[in-house]
Amino acid sequence: MKKTAIAMSLTALLLSQPLLAEEKADTIDKTSLKATASGVVIGGLLAGPPGMLVGMAGGALVGELENRQQTIGERDRALADAERETARRHQAYKELLDTTRSRLSAMEEGFSFCLGFRSDSAEIEPQIASQLASLAQMLKAFPELDLQIFAGADRRGGEHYNQNLSRARAEVVADHLRRAGLADGRIRILYVGEQAAAYAEDDLDGLSFDRIVKLSLVKGETS
């Protein structure tokens, strides 16, 4: 009975510690303390004072293990949440990248802009100049794409003359685009003179198509 009374007294003393410690500091682990007290009761009842000491040690260990298991569980949940968020962002980025590529591909394959020139002239018509400026502004939003200028001439005149004429037409278009803000490195010029001409010299209506300069979107060299 005396051993039991001592065990109960120590138990009461230990159980009162959280209240005292709370007034002094917040550093006492209540879970470990309660586990220690439970160990004291069991050890005291079973084996007296020696049993109480063993029970105190065992109870403290159980409380510490419970705390560590709780901490590990919280970290595992946080890690799982982070992994799910990373996977979600990766999928969203992939979908955005796929959509962007599809749009660029559609623009590259479907866009062409043709402008005509008068016979024996490399001057751009006033209404065409504003359209070239708008095109240059649009291309600023698509840095992955460059612009190819393909210029030709009809069959009238000598071959050398027509080669120089088509070059002049390509250059004047490129100059308008540069002045509108399109970087020179994104402009590709190809002039072929009369090599691409498809109409006879006496086909006045058809010759106008041979004097057309065609603008096409192509993938940038760095994209």
N, C-alpha and C. Protein backbone atom coordinates (compact mmCIF):
# COMPACT_ATOMS: atom_id res chain seq x y z
N MET A 1 0.82 -1.20 0.00
CA MET A 1 0.00 0.00 0.00
C MET A 1 0.85 1.25 0.00
N LYS A 2 1.98 1.19 0.75
CA LYS A 2 2.85 2.36 0.81
C LYS A 2 3.44 2.65 -0.56
N LYS A 3 3.84 1.60 -1.29
CA LYS A 3 4.41 1.78 -2.63
C LYS A 3 3.37 2.37 -3.57
N THR A 4 2.17 1.88 -3.42
CA THR A 4 1.10 2.40 -4.29
C THR A 4 0.83 3.86 -4.01
N ALA A 5 0.86 4.20 -2.69
CA ALA A 5 0.61 5.60 -2.32
C ALA A 5 1.70 6.50 -2.87
N ILE A 6 2.93 6.04 -2.79
CA ILE A 6 4.06 6.83 -3.34
C ILE A 6 3.89 7.01 -4.84
N ALA A 7 3.52 5.93 -5.53
CA ALA A 7 3.33 5.99 -6.98
C ALA A 7 2.24 6.97 -7.34
N MET A 8 1.14 6.95 -6.58
CA MET A 8 0.03 7.85 -6.88
C MET A 8 0.42 9.28 -6.62
N SER A 9 1.21 9.51 -5.55
CA SER A 9 1.67 10.88 -5.24
C SER A 9 2.56 11.41 -6.36
N LEU A 10 3.49 10.59 -6.81
CA LEU A 10 4.38 11.01 -7.91
C LEU A 10 3.59 11.26 -9.17
N THR A 11 2.59 10.44 -9.39
CA THR A 11 1.76 10.62 -10.58
C THR A 11 1.05 11.95 -10.56
N ALA A 12 0.47 12.28 -9.39
CA ALA A 12 -0.22 13.56 -9.26
C ALA A 12 0.74 14.71 -9.48
N LEU A 13 1.95 14.57 -8.93
CA LEU A 13 2.96 15.62 -9.09
C LEU A 13 3.32 15.80 -10.56
N LEU A 14 3.50 14.71 -11.29
CA LEU A 14 3.88 14.78 -12.71
C LEU A 14 2.76 15.36 -13.55
N LEU A 15 1.54 14.98 -13.26
CA LEU A 15 0.41 15.48 -14.03
C LEU A 15 0.19 16.96 -13.83
N SER A 16 0.66 17.49 -12.67
CA SER A 16 0.50 18.93 -12.41
C SER A 16 1.58 19.75 -13.08
N GLN A 17 2.63 19.14 -13.63
CA GLN A 17 3.75 19.87 -14.22
C GLN A 17 3.36 20.72 -15.42
N PRO A 18 2.49 20.25 -16.33
CA PRO A 18 2.17 21.08 -17.47
C PRO A 18 1.60 22.43 -17.07
N LEU A 19 0.80 22.46 -15.96
CA LEU A 19 0.23 23.72 -15.53
C LEU A 19 1.30 24.67 -15.02
N LEU A 20 2.24 24.14 -14.27
CA LEU A 20 3.32 24.97 -13.75
C LEU A 20 4.24 25.43 -14.87
N ALA A 21 4.55 24.51 -15.77
CA ALA A 21 5.48 24.85 -16.86
C ALA A 21 4.86 25.86 -17.80
N GLU A 22 3.53 25.82 -17.92
CA GLU A 22 2.86 26.74 -18.84
C GLU A 22 2.99 28.17 -18.36
N GLU A 23 3.08 28.36 -17.04
CA GLU A 23 3.25 29.69 -16.49
C GLU A 23 4.66 30.20 -16.70
N LYS A 24 5.65 29.27 -16.75
CA LYS A 24 7.06 29.67 -16.87
C LYS A 24 7.50 29.75 -18.32
N ALA A 25 7.18 28.75 -19.11
CA ALA A 25 7.64 28.71 -20.51
C ALA A 25 6.77 27.74 -21.27
N ASP A 26 6.86 27.78 -22.61
CA ASP A 26 6.04 26.92 -23.46
C ASP A 26 6.88 25.83 -24.09
N THR A 27 7.91 25.41 -23.42
CA THR A 27 8.85 24.47 -24.04
C THR A 27 8.65 23.04 -23.64
N ILE A 28 7.72 22.72 -22.73
CA ILE A 28 7.52 21.34 -22.28
C ILE A 28 6.61 20.60 -23.24
N ASP A 29 6.99 19.44 -23.62
CA ASP A 29 6.22 18.59 -24.52
C ASP A 29 5.15 17.87 -23.71
N LYS A 30 3.87 18.31 -23.83
CA LYS A 30 2.79 17.74 -23.02
C LYS A 30 2.54 16.28 -23.35
N THR A 31 2.67 15.94 -24.62
CA THR A 31 2.44 14.54 -25.00
C THR A 31 3.43 13.62 -24.32
N SER A 32 4.72 14.03 -24.31
CA SER A 32 5.75 13.21 -23.67
C SER A 32 5.51 13.12 -22.17
N LEU A 33 5.08 14.25 -21.56
CA LEU A 33 4.87 14.28 -20.12
C LEU A 33 3.73 13.37 -19.70
N LYS A 34 2.64 13.39 -20.46
CA LYS A 34 1.51 12.53 -20.13
C LYS A 34 1.88 11.07 -20.31
N ALA A 35 2.64 10.79 -21.37
CA ALA A 35 3.07 9.42 -21.57
C ALA A 35 3.98 8.96 -20.43
N THR A 36 4.82 9.88 -19.95
CA THR A 36 5.70 9.54 -18.83
C THR A 36 4.89 9.25 -17.57
N ALA A 37 3.86 10.08 -17.33
CA ALA A 37 3.01 9.87 -16.16
C ALA A 37 2.29 8.55 -16.23
N SER A 38 1.82 8.20 -17.42
CA SER A 38 1.15 6.91 -17.57
C SER A 38 2.11 5.77 -17.27
N GLY A 39 3.35 5.92 -17.71
CA GLY A 39 4.36 4.90 -17.43
C GLY A 39 4.64 4.79 -15.95
N VAL A 40 4.61 5.93 -15.24
CA VAL A 40 4.83 5.91 -13.80
C VAL A 40 3.75 5.11 -13.09
N VAL A 41 2.49 5.36 -13.46
CA VAL A 41 1.38 4.65 -12.82
C VAL A 41 1.51 3.15 -13.03
N ILE A 42 1.73 2.78 -14.29
CA ILE A 42 1.83 1.34 -14.58
C ILE A 42 3.02 0.72 -13.88
N GLY A 43 4.17 1.40 -13.98
CA GLY A 43 5.38 0.85 -13.36
C GLY A 43 5.27 0.80 -11.85
N GLY A 44 4.63 1.82 -11.23
CA GLY A 44 4.50 1.85 -9.78
C GLY A 44 3.59 0.77 -9.28
N LEU A 45 2.51 0.54 -9.99
CA LEU A 45 1.58 -0.48 -9.56
C LEU A 45 2.17 -1.88 -9.70
N LEU A 46 3.00 -2.07 -10.74
CA LEU A 46 3.52 -3.39 -11.00
C LEU A 46 4.79 -3.71 -10.22
N ALA A 47 5.64 -2.73 -10.00
CA ALA A 47 6.95 -3.06 -9.44
C ALA A 47 7.46 -2.06 -8.43
N GLY A 48 6.63 -1.20 -7.92
CA GLY A 48 7.09 -0.26 -6.91
C GLY A 48 7.98 0.82 -7.50
N PRO A 49 8.82 1.48 -6.65
CA PRO A 49 9.68 2.58 -7.12
C PRO A 49 10.56 2.21 -8.28
N PRO A 50 11.22 1.02 -8.30
CA PRO A 50 12.02 0.69 -9.49
C PRO A 50 11.16 0.63 -10.75
N GLY A 51 9.97 0.08 -10.57
CA GLY A 51 9.07 0.01 -11.72
C GLY A 51 8.65 1.39 -12.18
N MET A 52 8.56 2.34 -11.23
CA MET A 52 8.20 3.70 -11.60
C MET A 52 9.26 4.33 -12.49
N LEU A 53 10.52 4.10 -12.16
CA LEU A 53 11.61 4.67 -12.95
C LEU A 53 11.59 4.12 -14.37
N VAL A 54 11.39 2.79 -14.47
CA VAL A 54 11.31 2.18 -15.79
C VAL A 54 10.10 2.70 -16.55
N GLY A 55 9.00 2.83 -15.86
CA GLY A 55 7.78 3.33 -16.48
C GLY A 55 7.94 4.75 -16.96
N MET A 56 8.67 5.58 -16.17
CA MET A 56 8.91 6.98 -16.60
C MET A 56 9.70 7.02 -17.89
N ALA A 57 10.75 6.22 -17.97
CA ALA A 57 11.58 6.20 -19.18
C ALA A 57 10.79 5.69 -20.38
N GLY A 58 10.06 4.61 -20.16
CA GLY A 58 9.28 4.05 -21.26
C GLY A 58 8.18 4.98 -21.72
N GLY A 59 7.54 5.64 -20.79
CA GLY A 59 6.48 6.57 -21.15
C GLY A 59 7.00 7.75 -21.94
N ALA A 60 8.16 8.28 -21.52
CA ALA A 60 8.75 9.41 -22.26
C ALA A 60 9.12 9.00 -23.68
N LEU A 61 9.63 7.77 -23.82
CA LEU A 61 10.00 7.28 -25.14
C LEU A 61 8.78 7.14 -26.03
N VAL A 62 7.69 6.63 -25.48
CA VAL A 62 6.47 6.47 -26.25
C VAL A 62 5.95 7.83 -26.72
N GLY A 63 5.99 8.82 -25.81
CA GLY A 63 5.53 10.16 -26.18
C GLY A 63 6.37 10.76 -27.28
N GLU A 64 7.70 10.57 -27.21
CA GLU A 64 8.60 11.11 -28.24
C GLU A 64 8.34 10.45 -29.59
N LEU A 65 8.13 9.13 -29.55
CA LEU A 65 7.84 8.42 -30.79
C LEU A 65 6.53 8.91 -31.42
N GLU A 66 5.54 9.14 -30.59
CA GLU A 66 4.27 9.64 -31.11
C GLU A 66 4.44 11.00 -31.76
N ASN A 67 5.23 11.87 -31.13
CA ASN A 67 5.48 13.20 -31.69
C ASN A 67 6.20 13.12 -33.03
N ARG A 68 7.19 12.24 -33.08
CA ARG A 68 7.95 12.10 -34.33
C ARG A 68 7.09 11.52 -35.45
N GLN A 69 6.25 10.55 -35.09
CA GLN A 69 5.35 9.99 -36.10
C GLN A 69 4.38 11.04 -36.62
N GLN A 70 3.90 11.89 -35.74
CA GLN A 70 3.00 12.96 -36.16
C GLN A 70 3.70 13.94 -37.09
N THR A 71 4.96 14.30 -36.72
CA THR A 71 5.73 15.22 -37.57
C THR A 71 6.00 14.62 -38.93
N ILE A 72 6.37 13.34 -38.97
CA ILE A 72 6.64 12.66 -40.24
C ILE A 72 5.38 12.61 -41.10
N GLY A 73 4.26 12.34 -40.45
CA GLY A 73 2.99 12.30 -41.19
C GLY A 73 2.65 13.64 -41.81
N GLU A 74 2.87 14.72 -41.05
CA GLU A 74 2.60 16.06 -41.58
C GLU A 74 3.52 16.39 -42.75
N ARG A 75 4.79 16.00 -42.63
CA ARG A 75 5.73 16.26 -43.72
C ARG A 75 5.38 15.45 -44.96
N ASP A 76 4.94 14.20 -44.76
CA ASP A 76 4.55 13.36 -45.90
C ASP A 76 3.36 13.96 -46.63
N ARG A 77 2.39 14.48 -45.87
CA ARG A 77 1.22 15.10 -46.50
C ARG A 77 1.61 16.36 -47.26
N ALA A 78 2.51 17.17 -46.66
CA ALA A 78 2.97 18.38 -47.34
C ALA A 78 3.72 18.06 -48.62
N LEU A 79 4.54 17.01 -48.57
CA LEU A 79 5.29 16.59 -49.75
C LEU A 79 4.34 16.10 -50.85
N ALA A 80 3.34 15.34 -50.45
CA ALA A 80 2.37 14.84 -51.44
C ALA A 80 1.61 15.99 -52.09
N ASP A 81 1.25 17.00 -51.29
CA ASP A 81 0.56 18.17 -51.83
C ASP A 81 1.46 18.91 -52.82
N ALA A 82 2.74 19.05 -52.46
CA ALA A 82 3.69 19.74 -53.34
C ALA A 82 3.87 18.98 -54.65
N GLU A 83 3.93 17.66 -54.58
CA GLU A 83 4.10 16.86 -55.79
C GLU A 83 2.87 16.98 -56.70
N ARG A 84 1.69 17.01 -56.11
CA ARG A 84 0.48 17.16 -56.92
C ARG A 84 0.45 18.53 -57.59
N GLU A 85 0.85 19.56 -56.86
CA GLU A 85 0.87 20.91 -57.43
C GLU A 85 1.88 21.02 -58.56
N THR A 86 3.05 20.39 -58.37
CA THR A 86 4.07 20.40 -59.43
C THR A 86 3.56 19.69 -60.68
N ALA A 87 2.90 18.57 -60.50
CA ALA A 87 2.36 17.83 -61.64
C ALA A 87 1.28 18.65 -62.36
N ARG A 88 0.46 19.35 -61.58
CA ARG A 88 -0.59 20.18 -62.19
C ARG A 88 0.02 21.30 -63.03
N ARG A 89 1.04 21.96 -62.48
CA ARG A 89 1.68 23.07 -63.21
C ARG A 89 2.40 22.56 -64.46
N HIS A 90 3.02 21.40 -64.33
CA HIS A 90 3.70 20.82 -65.49
C HIS A 90 2.71 20.52 -66.61
N GLN A 91 1.56 19.98 -66.26
CA GLN A 91 0.54 19.67 -67.26
C GLN A 91 0.00 20.94 -67.90
N ALA A 92 -0.21 21.96 -67.07
CA ALA A 92 -0.72 23.24 -67.60
C ALA A 92 0.28 23.86 -68.56
N TYR A 93 1.57 23.79 -68.20
CA TYR A 93 2.61 24.33 -69.07
C TYR A 93 2.68 23.56 -70.38
N LYS A 94 2.57 22.25 -70.31
CA LYS A 94 2.60 21.41 -71.51
C LYS A 94 1.44 21.75 -72.44
N GLU A 95 0.26 21.92 -71.87
CA GLU A 95 -0.91 22.25 -72.68
C GLU A 95 -0.74 23.61 -73.34
N LEU A 96 -0.19 24.58 -72.59
CA LEU A 96 0.04 25.91 -73.16
C LEU A 96 1.07 25.85 -74.28
N LEU A 97 2.13 25.08 -74.08
CA LEU A 97 3.17 24.95 -75.09
C LEU A 97 2.62 24.28 -76.35
N ASP A 98 1.82 23.25 -76.18
CA ASP A 98 1.23 22.56 -77.33
C ASP A 98 0.29 23.50 -78.11
N THR A 99 -0.50 24.28 -77.38
CA THR A 99 -1.41 25.22 -78.03
C THR A 99 -0.65 26.29 -78.81
N THR A 100 0.42 26.80 -78.21
CA THR A 100 1.24 27.82 -78.87
C THR A 100 1.87 27.27 -80.14
N ARG A 101 2.40 26.06 -80.07
CA ARG A 101 3.01 25.45 -81.24
C ARG A 101 1.99 25.24 -82.35
N SER A 102 0.80 24.83 -81.98
CA SER A 102 -0.24 24.60 -82.99
C SER A 102 -0.62 25.90 -83.68
N ARG A 103 -0.73 26.96 -82.91
CA ARG A 103 -1.09 28.25 -83.49
C ARG A 103 0.00 28.77 -84.42
N LEU A 104 1.26 28.61 -83.99
CA LEU A 104 2.37 29.06 -84.83
C LEU A 104 2.43 28.25 -86.11
N SER A 105 2.21 26.96 -85.99
CA SER A 105 2.23 26.10 -87.18
C SER A 105 1.12 26.49 -88.14
N ALA A 106 -0.07 26.78 -87.61
CA ALA A 106 -1.19 27.18 -88.46
C ALA A 106 -0.90 28.50 -89.16
N MET A 107 -0.28 29.43 -88.45
CA MET A 107 0.06 30.71 -89.06
C MET A 107 1.11 30.53 -90.14
N GLU A 108 2.10 29.71 -89.85
CA GLU A 108 3.18 29.49 -90.81
C GLU A 108 2.66 28.87 -92.10
N GLU A 109 1.75 27.91 -91.97
CA GLU A 109 1.26 27.19 -93.14
C GLU A 109 0.17 27.97 -93.88
N GLY A 110 -0.58 28.78 -93.16
CA GLY A 110 -1.74 29.40 -93.79
C GLY A 110 -1.58 30.87 -94.15
N PHE A 111 -0.49 31.51 -93.75
CA PHE A 111 -0.37 32.94 -94.00
C PHE A 111 0.44 33.24 -95.26
N SER A 112 -0.09 34.13 -96.07
CA SER A 112 0.67 34.69 -97.20
C SER A 112 0.05 36.04 -97.54
N PHE A 113 0.89 36.95 -97.93
CA PHE A 113 0.45 38.31 -98.25
C PHE A 113 1.13 38.72 -99.54
N CYS A 114 0.34 39.05 -100.53
CA CYS A 114 0.90 39.40 -101.84
C CYS A 114 0.62 40.88 -102.14
N LEU A 115 1.61 41.54 -102.69
CA LEU A 115 1.43 42.91 -103.14
C LEU A 115 1.98 43.06 -104.54
N GLY A 116 1.25 43.81 -105.35
CA GLY A 116 1.64 43.96 -106.74
C GLY A 116 2.37 45.27 -107.02
N PHE A 117 3.10 45.29 -108.11
CA PHE A 117 3.83 46.48 -108.54
C PHE A 117 3.40 46.83 -109.97
N ARG A 118 3.50 48.10 -110.27
CA ARG A 118 3.23 48.54 -111.64
C ARG A 118 4.36 48.05 -112.54
N SER A 119 4.10 48.06 -113.81
CA SER A 119 5.10 47.63 -114.79
C SER A 119 6.35 48.50 -114.72
N ASP A 120 7.50 47.85 -114.67
CA ASP A 120 8.81 48.52 -114.67
C ASP A 120 8.93 49.48 -113.47
N SER A 121 8.38 49.09 -112.30
CA SER A 121 8.41 49.95 -111.12
C SER A 121 8.74 49.13 -109.87
N ALA A 122 9.40 49.81 -108.93
CA ALA A 122 9.68 49.21 -107.63
C ALA A 122 9.12 50.08 -106.51
N GLU A 123 8.10 50.86 -106.84
CA GLU A 123 7.48 51.73 -105.84
C GLU A 123 6.25 51.05 -105.24
N ILE A 124 6.11 51.19 -103.92
CA ILE A 124 4.96 50.59 -103.22
C ILE A 124 3.80 51.56 -103.24
N GLU A 125 2.61 51.04 -103.53
CA GLU A 125 1.40 51.86 -103.54
C GLU A 125 1.09 52.35 -102.11
N PRO A 126 0.58 53.57 -101.95
CA PRO A 126 0.34 54.14 -100.62
C PRO A 126 -0.50 53.25 -99.70
N GLN A 127 -1.54 52.64 -100.23
CA GLN A 127 -2.40 51.81 -99.38
C GLN A 127 -1.69 50.54 -98.91
N ILE A 128 -0.68 50.11 -99.64
CA ILE A 128 0.07 48.92 -99.25
C ILE A 128 1.02 49.23 -98.09
N ALA A 129 1.54 50.44 -98.05
CA ALA A 129 2.50 50.82 -97.01
C ALA A 129 1.89 50.66 -95.61
N SER A 130 0.65 51.07 -95.43
CA SER A 130 0.00 50.95 -94.12
C SER A 130 -0.22 49.48 -93.75
N GLN A 131 -0.47 48.64 -94.74
CA GLN A 131 -0.65 47.22 -94.46
C GLN A 131 0.67 46.57 -94.03
N LEU A 132 1.75 47.01 -94.64
CA LEU A 132 3.06 46.49 -94.24
C LEU A 132 3.40 46.90 -92.80
N ALA A 133 3.03 48.11 -92.43
CA ALA A 133 3.27 48.57 -91.06
C ALA A 133 2.48 47.73 -90.06
N SER A 134 1.24 47.41 -90.40
CA SER A 134 0.41 46.57 -89.52
C SER A 134 0.99 45.17 -89.42
N LEU A 135 1.51 44.66 -90.52
CA LEU A 135 2.12 43.33 -90.51
C LEU A 135 3.35 43.30 -89.60
N ALA A 136 4.16 44.33 -89.67
CA ALA A 136 5.35 44.40 -88.82
C ALA A 136 4.96 44.42 -87.34
N GLN A 137 3.92 45.15 -86.98
CA GLN A 137 3.47 45.20 -85.60
C GLN A 137 2.95 43.84 -85.14
N MET A 138 2.23 43.15 -86.02
CA MET A 138 1.71 41.83 -85.66
C MET A 138 2.84 40.85 -85.39
N LEU A 139 3.88 40.91 -86.21
CA LEU A 139 4.98 39.97 -86.07
C LEU A 139 5.76 40.18 -84.77
N LYS A 140 5.67 41.34 -84.17
CA LYS A 140 6.34 41.56 -82.89
C LYS A 140 5.77 40.65 -81.81
N ALA A 141 4.53 40.25 -81.95
CA ALA A 141 3.90 39.36 -80.97
C ALA A 141 4.25 37.90 -81.20
N PHE A 142 4.95 37.61 -82.31
CA PHE A 142 5.33 36.23 -82.63
C PHE A 142 6.81 36.18 -82.96
N PRO A 143 7.66 36.32 -81.95
CA PRO A 143 9.11 36.35 -82.20
C PRO A 143 9.65 35.02 -82.74
N GLU A 144 8.86 33.96 -82.64
CA GLU A 144 9.32 32.67 -83.14
C GLU A 144 9.28 32.59 -84.67
N LEU A 145 8.61 33.55 -85.30
CA LEU A 145 8.43 33.51 -86.75
C LEU A 145 9.21 34.63 -87.44
N ASP A 146 9.75 34.32 -88.61
CA ASP A 146 10.40 35.30 -89.47
C ASP A 146 9.53 35.53 -90.70
N LEU A 147 9.94 36.51 -91.51
CA LEU A 147 9.17 36.84 -92.70
C LEU A 147 10.05 36.67 -93.94
N GLN A 148 9.54 35.90 -94.89
CA GLN A 148 10.26 35.72 -96.15
C GLN A 148 9.63 36.58 -97.25
N ILE A 149 10.46 37.29 -97.97
CA ILE A 149 10.02 38.13 -99.09
C ILE A 149 10.48 37.48 -100.39
N PHE A 150 9.51 37.12 -101.21
CA PHE A 150 9.81 36.47 -102.50
C PHE A 150 9.38 37.43 -103.61
N ALA A 151 10.35 37.90 -104.40
CA ALA A 151 10.04 38.91 -105.42
C ALA A 151 10.46 38.41 -106.80
N GLY A 152 9.64 38.75 -107.80
CA GLY A 152 9.94 38.36 -109.18
C GLY A 152 9.62 39.49 -110.14
N ALA A 153 9.66 39.17 -111.42
CA ALA A 153 9.36 40.14 -112.48
C ALA A 153 8.77 39.38 -113.67
N ASP A 154 8.09 40.12 -114.57
CA ASP A 154 7.58 39.45 -115.77
C ASP A 154 8.69 39.30 -116.80
N ARG A 155 8.36 38.70 -117.92
CA ARG A 155 9.38 38.34 -118.91
C ARG A 155 9.84 39.52 -119.77
N ARG A 156 9.17 40.61 -119.75
CA ARG A 156 9.57 41.73 -120.59
C ARG A 156 10.87 42.33 -120.06
N GLY A 157 11.77 42.71 -120.95
CA GLY A 157 13.07 43.22 -120.54
C GLY A 157 14.09 42.10 -120.51
N GLY A 158 15.35 42.49 -120.33
CA GLY A 158 16.40 41.49 -120.29
C GLY A 158 16.43 40.75 -118.95
N GLU A 159 17.08 39.60 -118.97
CA GLU A 159 17.15 38.78 -117.76
C GLU A 159 17.87 39.51 -116.62
N HIS A 160 18.99 40.15 -116.94
CA HIS A 160 19.74 40.87 -115.92
C HIS A 160 18.93 42.04 -115.36
N TYR A 161 18.25 42.74 -116.25
CA TYR A 161 17.42 43.86 -115.83
C TYR A 161 16.31 43.38 -114.89
N ASN A 162 15.66 42.30 -115.27
CA ASN A 162 14.56 41.79 -114.45
C ASN A 162 15.05 41.28 -113.09
N GLN A 163 16.27 40.75 -113.06
CA GLN A 163 16.84 40.30 -111.79
C GLN A 163 17.02 41.49 -110.85
N ASN A 164 17.57 42.57 -111.36
CA ASN A 164 17.77 43.77 -110.55
C ASN A 164 16.43 44.40 -110.14
N LEU A 165 15.46 44.35 -111.03
CA LEU A 165 14.14 44.91 -110.72
C LEU A 165 13.47 44.14 -109.59
N SER A 166 13.55 42.82 -109.65
CA SER A 166 12.94 42.03 -108.57
C SER A 166 13.66 42.26 -107.25
N ARG A 167 14.97 42.46 -107.32
CA ARG A 167 15.72 42.75 -106.10
C ARG A 167 15.29 44.08 -105.51
N ALA A 168 15.11 45.08 -106.36
CA ALA A 168 14.68 46.40 -105.89
C ALA A 168 13.31 46.32 -105.23
N ARG A 169 12.43 45.54 -105.78
CA ARG A 169 11.09 45.38 -105.20
C ARG A 169 11.17 44.71 -103.83
N ALA A 170 12.00 43.68 -103.71
CA ALA A 170 12.15 43.01 -102.42
C ALA A 170 12.75 43.95 -101.37
N GLU A 171 13.72 44.73 -101.77
CA GLU A 171 14.39 45.62 -100.83
C GLU A 171 13.46 46.74 -100.36
N VAL A 172 12.63 47.27 -101.24
CA VAL A 172 11.75 48.35 -100.82
C VAL A 172 10.70 47.85 -99.83
N VAL A 173 10.25 46.61 -100.01
CA VAL A 173 9.32 46.01 -99.05
C VAL A 173 10.02 45.83 -97.69
N ALA A 174 11.24 45.31 -97.74
CA ALA A 174 12.00 45.10 -96.50
C ALA A 174 12.25 46.42 -95.77
N ASP A 175 12.53 47.49 -96.51
CA ASP A 175 12.77 48.79 -95.88
C ASP A 175 11.53 49.30 -95.15
N HIS A 176 10.36 49.10 -95.74
CA HIS A 176 9.12 49.52 -95.09
C HIS A 176 8.90 48.74 -93.78
N LEU A 177 9.21 47.46 -93.81
CA LEU A 177 9.04 46.64 -92.61
C LEU A 177 10.04 47.05 -91.52
N ARG A 178 11.25 47.35 -91.91
CA ARG A 178 12.26 47.79 -90.93
C ARG A 178 11.84 49.10 -90.28
N ARG A 179 11.37 50.03 -91.10
CA ARG A 179 10.94 51.33 -90.55
C ARG A 179 9.74 51.17 -89.62
N ALA A 180 8.96 50.12 -89.84
CA ALA A 180 7.80 49.86 -88.98
C ALA A 180 8.19 49.13 -87.70
N GLY A 181 9.47 48.77 -87.58
CA GLY A 181 9.93 48.18 -86.32
C GLY A 181 10.30 46.71 -86.37
N LEU A 182 10.20 46.07 -87.52
CA LEU A 182 10.57 44.65 -87.61
C LEU A 182 12.09 44.53 -87.72
N ALA A 183 12.68 43.70 -86.87
CA ALA A 183 14.14 43.54 -86.84
C ALA A 183 14.65 43.01 -88.16
N ASP A 184 15.78 43.54 -88.60
CA ASP A 184 16.36 43.14 -89.88
C ASP A 184 16.68 41.64 -89.91
N GLY A 185 17.08 41.08 -88.74
CA GLY A 185 17.41 39.67 -88.68
C GLY A 185 16.24 38.74 -88.90
N ARG A 186 15.03 39.28 -88.87
CA ARG A 186 13.84 38.45 -89.06
C ARG A 186 13.29 38.55 -90.49
N ILE A 187 14.00 39.23 -91.34
CA ILE A 187 13.56 39.42 -92.72
C ILE A 187 14.47 38.62 -93.66
N ARG A 188 13.88 37.76 -94.45
CA ARG A 188 14.63 36.96 -95.42
C ARG A 188 14.21 37.36 -96.83
N ILE A 189 15.16 37.69 -97.64
CA ILE A 189 14.88 38.19 -98.99
C ILE A 189 15.29 37.17 -100.04
N LEU A 190 14.37 36.93 -100.98
CA LEU A 190 14.65 36.05 -102.10
C LEU A 190 14.09 36.70 -103.36
N TYR A 191 14.95 37.02 -104.33
CA TYR A 191 14.50 37.63 -105.59
C TYR A 191 14.99 36.77 -106.74
N VAL A 192 14.11 36.53 -107.72
CA VAL A 192 14.41 35.56 -108.78
C VAL A 192 14.25 36.13 -110.18
N GLY A 193 14.01 37.43 -110.29
CA GLY A 193 13.85 38.00 -111.63
C GLY A 193 12.68 37.38 -112.36
N GLU A 194 12.90 36.95 -113.61
CA GLU A 194 11.84 36.37 -114.43
C GLU A 194 11.78 34.85 -114.33
N GLN A 195 12.59 34.26 -113.45
CA GLN A 195 12.65 32.79 -113.37
C GLN A 195 11.30 32.17 -112.98
N ALA A 196 10.51 32.88 -112.20
CA ALA A 196 9.23 32.34 -111.76
C ALA A 196 8.07 32.84 -112.60
N ALA A 197 8.35 33.59 -113.65
CA ALA A 197 7.28 34.13 -114.50
C ALA A 197 6.48 33.00 -115.15
N ALA A 198 5.16 33.15 -115.16
CA ALA A 198 4.30 32.08 -115.68
C ALA A 198 3.47 32.52 -116.88
N TYR A 199 3.54 33.78 -117.28
CA TYR A 199 2.67 34.28 -118.34
C TYR A 199 3.49 34.83 -119.51
N ALA A 200 2.91 34.74 -120.68
CA ALA A 200 3.57 35.22 -121.90
C ALA A 200 3.60 36.75 -121.92
N GLU A 201 4.50 37.29 -122.72
CA GLU A 201 4.68 38.74 -122.75
C GLU A 201 3.46 39.47 -123.30
N ASP A 202 2.66 38.81 -124.12
CA ASP A 202 1.47 39.47 -124.68
C ASP A 202 0.22 39.28 -123.81
N ASP A 203 0.36 38.59 -122.70
CA ASP A 203 -0.77 38.40 -121.77
C ASP A 203 -0.71 39.50 -120.70
N LEU A 204 -1.28 40.64 -121.04
CA LEU A 204 -1.16 41.80 -120.16
C LEU A 204 -1.81 41.58 -118.80
N ASP A 205 -2.91 40.87 -118.78
CA ASP A 205 -3.56 40.59 -117.49
C ASP A 205 -2.71 39.64 -116.64
N GLY A 206 -2.15 38.62 -117.28
CA GLY A 206 -1.35 37.65 -116.54
C GLY A 206 -0.04 38.21 -116.04
N LEU A 207 0.54 39.18 -116.77
CA LEU A 207 1.83 39.74 -116.38
C LEU A 207 1.78 40.41 -115.01
N SER A 208 0.61 40.90 -114.64
CA SER A 208 0.50 41.55 -113.33
C SER A 208 0.75 40.57 -112.19
N PHE A 209 0.44 39.30 -112.39
CA PHE A 209 0.70 38.29 -111.38
C PHE A 209 2.19 37.94 -111.29
N ASP A 210 2.90 38.09 -112.37
CA ASP A 210 4.35 37.84 -112.34
C ASP A 210 5.09 38.96 -111.61
N ARG A 211 4.44 40.11 -111.45
CA ARG A 211 5.09 41.24 -110.76
C ARG A 211 4.74 41.27 -109.26
N ILE A 212 4.11 40.25 -108.77
CA ILE A 212 3.69 40.20 -107.37
C ILE A 212 4.86 39.81 -106.46
N VAL A 213 4.95 40.47 -105.31
CA VAL A 213 5.90 40.09 -104.26
C VAL A 213 5.11 39.37 -103.17
N LYS A 214 5.53 38.18 -102.85
CA LYS A 214 4.81 37.35 -101.87
C LYS A 214 5.54 37.33 -100.54
N LEU A 215 4.80 37.58 -99.47
CA LEU A 215 5.35 37.54 -98.10
C LEU A 215 4.80 36.29 -97.40
N SER A 216 5.66 35.53 -96.79
CA SER A 216 5.27 34.30 -96.10
C SER A 216 5.94 34.22 -94.74
N LEU A 217 5.26 33.59 -93.78
CA LEU A 217 5.83 33.37 -92.45
C LEU A 217 6.61 32.07 -92.46
N VAL A 218 7.78 32.11 -91.85
CA VAL A 218 8.62 30.90 -91.72
C VAL A 218 9.14 30.84 -90.29
N LYS A 219 9.51 29.65 -89.87
CA LYS A 219 10.04 29.48 -88.53
C LYS A 219 11.35 30.23 -88.38
N GLY A 220 11.49 30.91 -87.23
CA GLY A 220 12.73 31.63 -86.99
C GLY A 220 13.91 30.70 -86.83
N GLU A 221 15.07 31.19 -87.13
CA GLU A 221 16.27 30.35 -87.06
C GLU A 221 16.60 29.96 -85.63
N THR A 222 16.16 30.73 -84.63
CA THR A 222 16.46 30.44 -83.22
C THR A 222 15.29 29.82 -82.50
N SER A 223 14.16 29.56 -83.16
CA SER A 223 12.98 28.99 -82.49
C SER A 223 13.06 27.49 -82.45
